[in-house]
N, C-alpha and C. Protein backbone atom coordinates (compact mmCIF):
# COMPACT_ATOMS: atom_id res chain seq x y z
N MET A 1 -25.52 -41.66 14.70
CA MET A 1 -26.44 -42.40 13.85
C MET A 1 -26.71 -43.78 14.45
N LYS A 2 -27.96 -44.19 14.47
CA LYS A 2 -28.33 -45.47 15.04
C LYS A 2 -27.94 -46.62 14.13
N LYS A 3 -27.60 -47.73 14.76
CA LYS A 3 -27.28 -48.96 14.03
C LYS A 3 -28.53 -49.81 13.93
N ASN A 4 -28.48 -50.85 13.10
CA ASN A 4 -29.62 -51.75 12.91
C ASN A 4 -29.40 -53.07 13.63
N LEU A 5 -30.34 -53.43 14.49
CA LEU A 5 -30.32 -54.68 15.24
C LEU A 5 -31.48 -55.53 14.73
N GLY A 6 -31.15 -56.69 14.19
CA GLY A 6 -32.18 -57.59 13.71
C GLY A 6 -32.50 -58.67 14.73
N ILE A 7 -33.78 -58.91 14.98
CA ILE A 7 -34.20 -59.94 15.93
C ILE A 7 -34.93 -61.04 15.18
N ILE A 8 -34.46 -62.28 15.35
CA ILE A 8 -35.18 -63.43 14.80
C ILE A 8 -36.17 -63.87 15.89
N PRO A 9 -37.48 -63.75 15.60
CA PRO A 9 -38.49 -64.02 16.63
C PRO A 9 -38.84 -65.49 16.77
N THR A 10 -39.62 -65.78 17.79
CA THR A 10 -40.22 -67.10 17.94
C THR A 10 -41.35 -67.20 16.92
N ILE A 11 -41.46 -68.34 16.26
CA ILE A 11 -42.52 -68.58 15.27
C ILE A 11 -43.46 -69.64 15.85
N TYR A 12 -44.76 -69.39 15.79
CA TYR A 12 -45.69 -70.41 16.25
C TYR A 12 -46.86 -70.53 15.28
N GLU A 13 -47.49 -71.68 15.32
CA GLU A 13 -48.64 -71.96 14.44
C GLU A 13 -49.93 -71.75 15.21
N ARG A 14 -50.87 -71.09 14.55
CA ARG A 14 -52.20 -70.91 15.13
C ARG A 14 -53.20 -70.85 14.00
N ARG A 15 -54.15 -71.77 14.03
CA ARG A 15 -55.20 -71.84 13.00
C ARG A 15 -54.61 -71.85 11.59
N ASN A 16 -53.62 -72.70 11.39
CA ASN A 16 -52.97 -72.89 10.09
C ASN A 16 -52.22 -71.65 9.59
N ASN A 17 -51.90 -70.74 10.48
CA ASN A 17 -51.10 -69.57 10.13
C ASN A 17 -49.83 -69.56 10.97
N LEU A 18 -48.78 -69.03 10.39
CA LEU A 18 -47.55 -68.83 11.16
C LEU A 18 -47.59 -67.41 11.73
N ASN A 19 -47.29 -67.29 13.00
CA ASN A 19 -47.28 -66.02 13.70
C ASN A 19 -45.93 -65.85 14.38
N ILE A 20 -45.60 -64.60 14.69
CA ILE A 20 -44.35 -64.34 15.41
C ILE A 20 -44.68 -63.82 16.80
N ILE A 21 -43.75 -64.05 17.70
CA ILE A 21 -43.90 -63.53 19.05
C ILE A 21 -42.54 -63.04 19.54
N ILE A 22 -42.58 -61.88 20.16
CA ILE A 22 -41.41 -61.33 20.83
C ILE A 22 -41.89 -60.90 22.21
N GLU A 23 -41.32 -61.52 23.24
CA GLU A 23 -41.72 -61.18 24.59
C GLU A 23 -41.36 -59.73 24.90
N LYS A 24 -42.23 -59.06 25.65
CA LYS A 24 -41.99 -57.67 26.02
C LYS A 24 -40.65 -57.51 26.75
N LYS A 25 -40.27 -58.53 27.51
CA LYS A 25 -39.02 -58.46 28.27
C LYS A 25 -37.80 -58.37 27.35
N VAL A 26 -37.93 -58.82 26.10
CA VAL A 26 -36.82 -58.73 25.15
C VAL A 26 -36.44 -57.26 24.94
N TYR A 27 -37.45 -56.39 24.86
CA TYR A 27 -37.17 -54.98 24.66
C TYR A 27 -36.42 -54.37 25.84
N ASN A 28 -36.67 -54.88 27.05
CA ASN A 28 -35.90 -54.42 28.21
C ASN A 28 -34.43 -54.79 28.07
N LEU A 29 -34.17 -56.01 27.58
CA LEU A 29 -32.79 -56.44 27.35
C LEU A 29 -32.13 -55.54 26.30
N LEU A 30 -32.85 -55.29 25.23
CA LEU A 30 -32.28 -54.48 24.14
C LEU A 30 -32.00 -53.05 24.59
N ARG A 31 -32.93 -52.46 25.33
CA ARG A 31 -32.72 -51.10 25.82
C ARG A 31 -31.56 -51.04 26.81
N SER A 32 -31.37 -52.11 27.56
CA SER A 32 -30.31 -52.14 28.56
C SER A 32 -28.93 -52.35 27.93
N CYS A 33 -28.84 -53.26 26.98
CA CYS A 33 -27.53 -53.63 26.40
C CYS A 33 -27.21 -52.93 25.08
N PHE A 34 -28.23 -52.58 24.32
CA PHE A 34 -28.00 -52.07 22.96
C PHE A 34 -28.86 -50.82 22.74
N LYS A 35 -28.45 -49.71 23.31
CA LYS A 35 -29.26 -48.50 23.33
C LYS A 35 -29.42 -47.80 21.99
N ASN A 36 -28.38 -47.74 21.21
CA ASN A 36 -28.41 -46.93 19.98
C ASN A 36 -28.67 -47.77 18.73
N TYR A 37 -29.69 -48.60 18.80
CA TYR A 37 -30.02 -49.47 17.67
C TYR A 37 -31.48 -49.30 17.26
N ASN A 38 -31.71 -49.32 15.95
CA ASN A 38 -33.06 -49.50 15.42
C ASN A 38 -33.35 -50.99 15.47
N ILE A 39 -34.52 -51.37 15.94
CA ILE A 39 -34.88 -52.78 16.05
C ILE A 39 -35.68 -53.20 14.82
N ILE A 40 -35.20 -54.25 14.16
CA ILE A 40 -35.87 -54.79 12.97
C ILE A 40 -36.22 -56.24 13.25
N ILE A 41 -37.49 -56.58 13.10
CA ILE A 41 -37.92 -57.96 13.30
C ILE A 41 -37.68 -58.72 12.00
N LEU A 42 -36.90 -59.78 12.10
CA LEU A 42 -36.48 -60.56 10.92
C LEU A 42 -37.41 -61.76 10.76
N GLU A 43 -38.60 -61.50 10.26
CA GLU A 43 -39.57 -62.58 10.09
C GLU A 43 -39.45 -63.24 8.71
N ASP A 44 -38.53 -62.74 7.91
CA ASP A 44 -38.27 -63.33 6.60
C ASP A 44 -36.79 -63.11 6.29
N ARG A 45 -36.33 -63.61 5.16
CA ARG A 45 -34.93 -63.47 4.79
C ARG A 45 -34.76 -62.16 4.02
N TYR A 46 -34.33 -61.13 4.74
CA TYR A 46 -34.19 -59.79 4.18
C TYR A 46 -32.74 -59.51 3.82
N LYS A 47 -32.57 -58.69 2.79
CA LYS A 47 -31.23 -58.22 2.43
C LYS A 47 -31.09 -56.80 2.95
N LEU A 48 -30.87 -56.71 4.25
CA LEU A 48 -30.74 -55.43 4.94
C LEU A 48 -29.33 -55.28 5.48
N LYS A 49 -28.93 -54.04 5.70
CA LYS A 49 -27.67 -53.82 6.42
C LYS A 49 -27.97 -53.96 7.90
N LEU A 50 -27.33 -54.93 8.52
CA LEU A 50 -27.51 -55.16 9.95
C LEU A 50 -26.17 -55.02 10.66
N ASP A 51 -26.22 -54.49 11.88
CA ASP A 51 -25.01 -54.33 12.68
C ASP A 51 -24.94 -55.33 13.82
N LEU A 52 -26.04 -55.99 14.12
CA LEU A 52 -26.12 -56.99 15.16
C LEU A 52 -27.35 -57.86 14.89
N ILE A 53 -27.22 -59.16 15.10
CA ILE A 53 -28.36 -60.08 14.94
C ILE A 53 -28.52 -60.86 16.23
N ILE A 54 -29.77 -60.94 16.71
CA ILE A 54 -30.09 -61.72 17.90
C ILE A 54 -31.16 -62.73 17.53
N SER A 55 -30.87 -64.00 17.80
CA SER A 55 -31.84 -65.07 17.60
C SER A 55 -32.38 -65.44 18.98
N LEU A 56 -33.68 -65.25 19.16
CA LEU A 56 -34.32 -65.43 20.46
C LEU A 56 -34.62 -66.89 20.76
N GLY A 57 -35.10 -67.12 21.97
CA GLY A 57 -35.54 -68.45 22.39
C GLY A 57 -36.87 -68.81 21.76
N GLY A 58 -37.39 -69.96 22.15
CA GLY A 58 -38.64 -70.44 21.58
C GLY A 58 -38.34 -71.40 20.44
N ASN A 59 -39.32 -72.14 20.04
CA ASN A 59 -39.19 -73.14 18.99
C ASN A 59 -38.23 -74.26 19.39
N THR A 60 -38.22 -75.29 18.56
CA THR A 60 -37.31 -76.42 18.69
C THR A 60 -36.68 -76.60 17.32
N LEU A 61 -35.46 -77.08 17.29
CA LEU A 61 -34.81 -77.30 16.00
C LEU A 61 -35.66 -78.23 15.13
N TYR A 62 -35.77 -77.91 13.86
CA TYR A 62 -36.56 -78.73 12.94
C TYR A 62 -36.00 -80.14 12.86
N SER A 63 -34.70 -80.29 12.98
CA SER A 63 -34.10 -81.63 12.93
C SER A 63 -34.53 -82.49 14.12
N LEU A 64 -35.03 -81.87 15.19
CA LEU A 64 -35.46 -82.59 16.39
C LEU A 64 -36.97 -82.75 16.48
N GLU A 65 -37.72 -81.76 16.01
CA GLU A 65 -39.19 -81.82 16.00
C GLU A 65 -39.69 -81.19 14.70
N LYS A 66 -40.22 -82.02 13.84
CA LYS A 66 -40.59 -81.58 12.50
C LYS A 66 -42.00 -80.98 12.45
N THR A 67 -42.06 -79.66 12.70
CA THR A 67 -43.30 -78.91 12.55
C THR A 67 -43.06 -77.80 11.54
N ILE A 68 -44.13 -77.23 11.03
CA ILE A 68 -44.01 -76.15 10.05
C ILE A 68 -43.32 -74.94 10.68
N SER A 69 -43.71 -74.58 11.90
CA SER A 69 -43.11 -73.41 12.55
C SER A 69 -41.62 -73.64 12.84
N ASN A 70 -41.26 -74.84 13.26
CA ASN A 70 -39.84 -75.14 13.50
C ASN A 70 -39.03 -75.11 12.21
N ARG A 71 -39.62 -75.59 11.11
CA ARG A 71 -38.92 -75.55 9.82
C ARG A 71 -38.68 -74.11 9.39
N TYR A 72 -39.70 -73.28 9.51
CA TYR A 72 -39.58 -71.87 9.11
C TYR A 72 -38.51 -71.17 9.97
N ARG A 73 -38.58 -71.41 11.27
CA ARG A 73 -37.62 -70.78 12.19
C ARG A 73 -36.20 -71.26 11.91
N SER A 74 -36.02 -72.55 11.68
CA SER A 74 -34.68 -73.08 11.39
C SER A 74 -34.10 -72.48 10.13
N ARG A 75 -34.94 -72.26 9.13
CA ARG A 75 -34.47 -71.62 7.88
C ARG A 75 -34.03 -70.18 8.13
N LEU A 76 -34.81 -69.45 8.94
CA LEU A 76 -34.42 -68.07 9.27
C LEU A 76 -33.08 -68.04 10.00
N ASP A 77 -32.96 -68.88 11.02
CA ASP A 77 -31.71 -68.90 11.78
C ASP A 77 -30.52 -69.24 10.90
N LYS A 78 -30.65 -70.25 10.07
CA LYS A 78 -29.55 -70.66 9.19
C LYS A 78 -29.15 -69.52 8.26
N PHE A 79 -30.14 -68.86 7.67
CA PHE A 79 -29.88 -67.74 6.76
C PHE A 79 -29.11 -66.63 7.47
N TYR A 80 -29.57 -66.23 8.66
CA TYR A 80 -28.95 -65.10 9.35
C TYR A 80 -27.62 -65.46 10.02
N ILE A 81 -27.44 -66.70 10.41
CA ILE A 81 -26.12 -67.10 10.93
C ILE A 81 -25.10 -67.02 9.80
N LYS A 82 -25.46 -67.53 8.63
CA LYS A 82 -24.54 -67.46 7.49
C LYS A 82 -24.26 -66.02 7.08
N LYS A 83 -25.28 -65.17 7.13
CA LYS A 83 -25.11 -63.75 6.81
C LYS A 83 -24.16 -63.11 7.82
N ALA A 84 -24.31 -63.44 9.11
CA ALA A 84 -23.45 -62.89 10.15
C ALA A 84 -21.99 -63.29 9.91
N ILE A 85 -21.77 -64.54 9.57
CA ILE A 85 -20.41 -65.01 9.33
C ILE A 85 -19.82 -64.34 8.09
N LYS A 86 -20.57 -64.33 7.01
CA LYS A 86 -20.08 -63.75 5.75
C LYS A 86 -19.74 -62.27 5.90
N SER A 87 -20.58 -61.54 6.63
CA SER A 87 -20.40 -60.09 6.77
C SER A 87 -19.76 -59.67 8.09
N LYS A 88 -19.36 -60.66 8.91
CA LYS A 88 -18.74 -60.41 10.22
C LYS A 88 -19.63 -59.53 11.10
N ILE A 89 -20.92 -59.85 11.11
CA ILE A 89 -21.89 -59.16 11.95
C ILE A 89 -21.97 -59.91 13.28
N PRO A 90 -21.89 -59.21 14.41
CA PRO A 90 -22.06 -59.90 15.70
C PRO A 90 -23.41 -60.62 15.76
N PHE A 91 -23.38 -61.84 16.31
CA PHE A 91 -24.58 -62.68 16.40
C PHE A 91 -24.69 -63.21 17.81
N LEU A 92 -25.86 -62.99 18.44
CA LEU A 92 -26.15 -63.51 19.76
C LEU A 92 -27.29 -64.52 19.64
N GLY A 93 -27.01 -65.76 20.00
CA GLY A 93 -28.04 -66.80 19.99
C GLY A 93 -28.46 -67.10 21.42
N ILE A 94 -29.73 -66.85 21.73
CA ILE A 94 -30.27 -67.11 23.07
C ILE A 94 -31.12 -68.37 23.01
N CYS A 95 -30.77 -69.37 23.77
CA CYS A 95 -31.45 -70.66 23.88
C CYS A 95 -31.66 -71.30 22.50
N HIS A 96 -32.80 -71.11 21.87
CA HIS A 96 -33.00 -71.69 20.54
C HIS A 96 -31.94 -71.17 19.57
N GLY A 97 -31.59 -69.89 19.69
CA GLY A 97 -30.55 -69.32 18.83
C GLY A 97 -29.21 -70.03 19.03
N ALA A 98 -28.90 -70.37 20.28
CA ALA A 98 -27.66 -71.11 20.57
C ALA A 98 -27.75 -72.52 20.01
N GLN A 99 -28.93 -73.13 20.10
CA GLN A 99 -29.12 -74.47 19.54
C GLN A 99 -29.02 -74.44 18.02
N SER A 100 -29.48 -73.35 17.40
CA SER A 100 -29.34 -73.22 15.94
C SER A 100 -27.87 -73.14 15.55
N LEU A 101 -27.09 -72.41 16.32
CA LEU A 101 -25.64 -72.38 16.08
C LEU A 101 -25.06 -73.78 16.21
N SER A 102 -25.48 -74.48 17.26
CA SER A 102 -24.95 -75.82 17.49
C SER A 102 -25.35 -76.78 16.38
N ASN A 103 -26.54 -76.60 15.83
CA ASN A 103 -27.00 -77.45 14.74
C ASN A 103 -26.18 -77.21 13.47
N LEU A 104 -25.97 -75.94 13.15
CA LEU A 104 -25.21 -75.58 11.95
C LEU A 104 -23.75 -76.03 12.03
N PHE A 105 -23.17 -75.93 13.22
CA PHE A 105 -21.76 -76.28 13.40
C PHE A 105 -21.56 -77.71 13.91
N LYS A 106 -22.63 -78.51 13.91
CA LYS A 106 -22.56 -79.95 14.23
C LYS A 106 -22.10 -80.25 15.66
N PHE A 107 -22.63 -79.50 16.63
CA PHE A 107 -22.38 -79.82 18.04
C PHE A 107 -23.21 -81.05 18.41
N LYS A 108 -22.93 -81.60 19.56
CA LYS A 108 -23.72 -82.72 20.06
C LYS A 108 -24.87 -82.17 20.93
N ILE A 109 -26.11 -82.41 20.49
CA ILE A 109 -27.31 -81.94 21.21
C ILE A 109 -28.12 -83.17 21.61
N VAL A 110 -28.56 -83.22 22.87
CA VAL A 110 -29.37 -84.34 23.33
C VAL A 110 -30.52 -83.83 24.20
N LYS A 111 -31.59 -84.60 24.24
CA LYS A 111 -32.72 -84.27 25.12
C LYS A 111 -32.34 -84.70 26.53
N LYS A 112 -32.61 -83.83 27.50
CA LYS A 112 -32.22 -84.12 28.88
C LYS A 112 -33.23 -83.52 29.85
N LYS A 113 -33.62 -84.30 30.82
CA LYS A 113 -34.53 -83.81 31.86
C LYS A 113 -33.76 -82.93 32.84
N GLY A 114 -34.51 -82.08 33.54
CA GLY A 114 -33.92 -81.26 34.58
C GLY A 114 -33.45 -79.89 34.13
N HIS A 115 -33.73 -79.51 32.89
CA HIS A 115 -33.30 -78.20 32.39
C HIS A 115 -34.49 -77.30 32.02
N ARG A 116 -35.69 -77.77 32.20
CA ARG A 116 -36.87 -77.00 31.80
C ARG A 116 -37.53 -76.36 33.02
N ARG A 117 -37.76 -75.05 32.92
CA ARG A 117 -38.41 -74.28 33.99
C ARG A 117 -37.72 -74.47 35.35
N THR A 118 -36.45 -74.19 35.37
CA THR A 118 -35.67 -74.34 36.59
C THR A 118 -34.55 -73.29 36.61
N ARG A 119 -33.76 -73.35 37.61
CA ARG A 119 -32.54 -72.54 37.71
C ARG A 119 -31.41 -73.48 38.07
N HIS A 120 -30.22 -73.17 37.60
CA HIS A 120 -29.06 -73.96 37.98
C HIS A 120 -27.80 -73.11 37.92
N LYS A 121 -26.76 -73.65 38.50
CA LYS A 121 -25.48 -72.94 38.55
C LYS A 121 -24.69 -73.21 37.28
N VAL A 122 -24.13 -72.15 36.73
CA VAL A 122 -23.24 -72.26 35.58
C VAL A 122 -21.84 -71.85 36.04
N PHE A 123 -20.87 -72.67 35.67
CA PHE A 123 -19.47 -72.43 36.02
C PHE A 123 -18.77 -71.84 34.81
N PHE A 124 -17.89 -70.86 35.06
CA PHE A 124 -17.20 -70.16 33.98
C PHE A 124 -15.70 -70.37 34.05
N ASN A 125 -15.03 -70.06 32.94
CA ASN A 125 -13.58 -70.27 32.82
C ASN A 125 -12.76 -69.46 33.83
N ASN A 126 -13.33 -68.40 34.38
CA ASN A 126 -12.60 -67.56 35.33
C ASN A 126 -12.81 -68.03 36.78
N ASN A 127 -13.22 -69.28 36.95
CA ASN A 127 -13.47 -69.89 38.27
C ASN A 127 -14.62 -69.23 39.03
N LYS A 128 -15.50 -68.53 38.33
CA LYS A 128 -16.69 -67.95 38.95
C LYS A 128 -17.90 -68.75 38.51
N SER A 129 -19.00 -68.52 39.20
CA SER A 129 -20.24 -69.20 38.83
C SER A 129 -21.40 -68.22 38.98
N GLN A 130 -22.52 -68.58 38.36
CA GLN A 130 -23.70 -67.73 38.37
C GLN A 130 -24.92 -68.62 38.30
N ILE A 131 -25.97 -68.29 39.05
CA ILE A 131 -27.25 -68.99 38.94
C ILE A 131 -28.01 -68.38 37.77
N VAL A 132 -28.44 -69.22 36.84
CA VAL A 132 -29.19 -68.74 35.66
C VAL A 132 -30.49 -69.53 35.53
N ASN A 133 -31.41 -68.98 34.75
CA ASN A 133 -32.66 -69.69 34.47
C ASN A 133 -32.44 -70.72 33.36
N SER A 134 -33.38 -71.62 33.21
CA SER A 134 -33.27 -72.67 32.20
C SER A 134 -34.66 -73.06 31.73
N TYR A 135 -34.88 -72.99 30.42
CA TYR A 135 -36.19 -73.28 29.84
C TYR A 135 -36.12 -74.23 28.65
N HIS A 136 -35.10 -75.07 28.59
CA HIS A 136 -34.93 -75.90 27.40
C HIS A 136 -34.98 -77.39 27.74
N ASP A 137 -35.38 -78.18 26.73
CA ASP A 137 -35.41 -79.64 26.85
C ASP A 137 -34.15 -80.27 26.28
N TYR A 138 -33.51 -79.57 25.34
CA TYR A 138 -32.32 -80.09 24.68
C TYR A 138 -31.09 -79.35 25.18
N VAL A 139 -30.01 -80.10 25.39
CA VAL A 139 -28.78 -79.50 25.89
C VAL A 139 -27.62 -79.80 24.93
N ILE A 140 -26.61 -78.98 25.03
CA ILE A 140 -25.41 -79.13 24.21
C ILE A 140 -24.34 -79.79 25.08
N PHE A 141 -23.77 -80.88 24.57
CA PHE A 141 -22.74 -81.58 25.33
C PHE A 141 -21.36 -81.51 24.71
N LYS A 142 -21.27 -81.17 23.45
CA LYS A 142 -19.96 -81.10 22.80
C LYS A 142 -20.02 -80.04 21.72
N ILE A 143 -18.99 -79.18 21.66
CA ILE A 143 -18.95 -78.15 20.64
C ILE A 143 -17.79 -78.42 19.68
N SER A 144 -17.83 -77.76 18.53
CA SER A 144 -16.77 -77.96 17.53
C SER A 144 -15.52 -77.18 17.94
N LYS A 145 -14.42 -77.46 17.29
CA LYS A 145 -13.14 -76.83 17.59
C LYS A 145 -13.12 -75.35 17.25
N GLU A 146 -14.09 -74.91 16.45
CA GLU A 146 -14.16 -73.49 16.07
C GLU A 146 -14.66 -72.61 17.21
N PHE A 147 -15.15 -73.25 18.28
CA PHE A 147 -15.75 -72.53 19.40
C PHE A 147 -15.01 -72.77 20.69
N GLN A 148 -15.19 -71.84 21.62
CA GLN A 148 -14.65 -71.96 22.97
C GLN A 148 -15.80 -72.09 23.95
N LYS A 149 -15.72 -73.05 24.83
CA LYS A 149 -16.71 -73.22 25.89
C LYS A 149 -16.46 -72.15 26.94
N LEU A 150 -17.51 -71.39 27.28
CA LEU A 150 -17.39 -70.32 28.28
C LEU A 150 -18.06 -70.68 29.60
N GLY A 151 -19.16 -71.45 29.54
CA GLY A 151 -19.90 -71.79 30.74
C GLY A 151 -20.56 -73.15 30.62
N TRP A 152 -20.64 -73.88 31.75
CA TRP A 152 -21.20 -75.23 31.74
C TRP A 152 -21.87 -75.51 33.09
N THR A 153 -22.72 -76.53 33.13
CA THR A 153 -23.40 -76.92 34.36
C THR A 153 -22.71 -78.14 34.97
N LYS A 154 -23.18 -78.51 36.15
CA LYS A 154 -22.60 -79.65 36.86
C LYS A 154 -22.73 -80.94 36.06
N ASP A 155 -23.81 -81.07 35.27
CA ASP A 155 -23.99 -82.30 34.48
C ASP A 155 -23.17 -82.31 33.19
N GLY A 156 -22.40 -81.23 32.96
CA GLY A 156 -21.53 -81.18 31.79
C GLY A 156 -22.12 -80.51 30.57
N SER A 157 -23.39 -80.10 30.64
CA SER A 157 -23.98 -79.43 29.48
C SER A 157 -23.40 -78.02 29.34
N ILE A 158 -23.24 -77.59 28.11
CA ILE A 158 -22.61 -76.31 27.81
C ILE A 158 -23.68 -75.22 27.75
N GLU A 159 -23.50 -74.18 28.54
CA GLU A 159 -24.49 -73.10 28.66
C GLU A 159 -24.06 -71.82 27.94
N ALA A 160 -22.78 -71.67 27.65
CA ALA A 160 -22.30 -70.47 26.95
C ALA A 160 -21.07 -70.84 26.14
N PHE A 161 -20.99 -70.28 24.93
CA PHE A 161 -19.85 -70.54 24.05
C PHE A 161 -19.69 -69.38 23.08
N LYS A 162 -18.48 -69.25 22.54
CA LYS A 162 -18.21 -68.20 21.54
C LYS A 162 -17.33 -68.77 20.44
N HIS A 163 -17.43 -68.17 19.28
CA HIS A 163 -16.61 -68.56 18.14
C HIS A 163 -15.22 -67.96 18.31
N HIS A 164 -14.19 -68.68 17.88
CA HIS A 164 -12.81 -68.19 18.01
C HIS A 164 -12.53 -67.00 17.10
N ARG A 165 -13.09 -67.00 15.88
CA ARG A 165 -12.76 -65.96 14.90
C ARG A 165 -13.84 -64.91 14.71
N PHE A 166 -15.10 -65.30 14.82
CA PHE A 166 -16.20 -64.39 14.53
C PHE A 166 -16.89 -63.94 15.82
N PRO A 167 -17.54 -62.77 15.79
CA PRO A 167 -18.24 -62.29 16.99
C PRO A 167 -19.59 -63.00 17.16
N ILE A 168 -19.51 -64.26 17.52
CA ILE A 168 -20.71 -65.10 17.70
C ILE A 168 -20.72 -65.62 19.13
N LEU A 169 -21.84 -65.39 19.82
CA LEU A 169 -22.01 -65.82 21.21
C LEU A 169 -23.30 -66.62 21.34
N GLY A 170 -23.22 -67.75 22.01
CA GLY A 170 -24.41 -68.56 22.28
C GLY A 170 -24.64 -68.68 23.77
N LEU A 171 -25.87 -68.43 24.21
CA LEU A 171 -26.27 -68.55 25.62
C LEU A 171 -27.48 -69.46 25.69
N MET A 172 -27.45 -70.43 26.57
CA MET A 172 -28.61 -71.31 26.73
C MET A 172 -29.62 -70.76 27.74
N TRP A 173 -29.24 -69.81 28.56
CA TRP A 173 -30.20 -69.20 29.47
C TRP A 173 -30.83 -67.98 28.82
N HIS A 174 -31.84 -67.42 29.46
CA HIS A 174 -32.59 -66.29 28.93
C HIS A 174 -32.34 -65.04 29.76
N PRO A 175 -31.40 -64.19 29.37
CA PRO A 175 -31.14 -62.97 30.15
C PRO A 175 -32.34 -62.02 30.17
N GLU A 176 -33.23 -62.16 29.20
CA GLU A 176 -34.39 -61.27 29.11
C GLU A 176 -35.55 -61.68 30.02
N ARG A 177 -35.51 -62.85 30.61
CA ARG A 177 -36.66 -63.35 31.35
C ARG A 177 -36.62 -63.10 32.86
N TYR A 178 -35.75 -62.23 33.30
CA TYR A 178 -35.74 -61.84 34.71
C TYR A 178 -36.57 -60.57 34.87
N ARG A 179 -36.92 -60.23 36.10
CA ARG A 179 -37.69 -58.99 36.34
C ARG A 179 -36.95 -57.78 35.79
N GLY A 180 -35.66 -57.75 36.01
CA GLY A 180 -34.80 -56.70 35.47
C GLY A 180 -33.57 -57.36 34.89
N ILE A 181 -32.90 -56.68 33.99
CA ILE A 181 -31.70 -57.24 33.38
C ILE A 181 -30.59 -57.29 34.43
N LYS A 182 -30.00 -58.47 34.59
CA LYS A 182 -28.93 -58.63 35.58
C LYS A 182 -27.65 -57.97 35.07
N LYS A 183 -26.95 -57.35 36.00
CA LYS A 183 -25.67 -56.71 35.67
C LYS A 183 -24.71 -57.73 35.05
N PHE A 184 -24.70 -58.95 35.61
CA PHE A 184 -23.83 -60.00 35.11
C PHE A 184 -24.08 -60.25 33.62
N ASP A 185 -25.35 -60.40 33.24
CA ASP A 185 -25.69 -60.68 31.83
C ASP A 185 -25.27 -59.54 30.92
N LYS A 186 -25.53 -58.33 31.36
CA LYS A 186 -25.18 -57.15 30.57
C LYS A 186 -23.66 -57.13 30.30
N ILE A 187 -22.87 -57.33 31.33
CA ILE A 187 -21.41 -57.32 31.20
C ILE A 187 -20.95 -58.50 30.34
N PHE A 188 -21.52 -59.67 30.57
CA PHE A 188 -21.13 -60.88 29.83
C PHE A 188 -21.39 -60.72 28.33
N ILE A 189 -22.57 -60.26 27.97
CA ILE A 189 -22.93 -60.09 26.56
C ILE A 189 -22.03 -59.05 25.91
N LYS A 190 -21.85 -57.91 26.54
CA LYS A 190 -21.03 -56.84 25.96
C LYS A 190 -19.56 -57.26 25.82
N LYS A 191 -19.09 -58.09 26.74
CA LYS A 191 -17.69 -58.54 26.69
C LYS A 191 -17.39 -59.35 25.44
N PHE A 192 -18.34 -60.16 25.01
CA PHE A 192 -18.09 -61.07 23.90
C PHE A 192 -18.67 -60.64 22.57
N LEU A 193 -19.45 -59.57 22.54
CA LEU A 193 -19.98 -59.11 21.24
C LEU A 193 -19.36 -57.78 20.82
């Protein structure tokens, strides 16, 4: 029997309407890492049985840029992060999703140049490193004690983290935005969720 995977999409404004967007490459990630799941787009606060929640990139935290689309997206993320914790549902936050986790758990987030539309090396706790993409303006510099830092850059910004008690993983890079899903990303995501 298939499980239910909920995706929190990117929200954008166009002609006074809120619209959602899910990049086609996201489906490649889902097919590669999560084969036996029904995909449900979480464009509102639904009371559904979910087995996994993924918050995608896009948008900026409402606390940092006050737009209607950012407010709507921040509310969705907050609702589903709390649902994941309450029901012990695995939660993967990609870029904006990771920033939403950091906002809810009071991490230190700052605007920093050099992280938008680039690639950089991320260092991991096992003394290995990986080149990843980067599409964000805001970086995480300090996490709460409830989380473990898994990956960081040379400038000290945190690129990957997980919760100590709950199956929650935050990634600041976009595993879905490569031509094909990297083996490293597939193994990394499955290891922590």
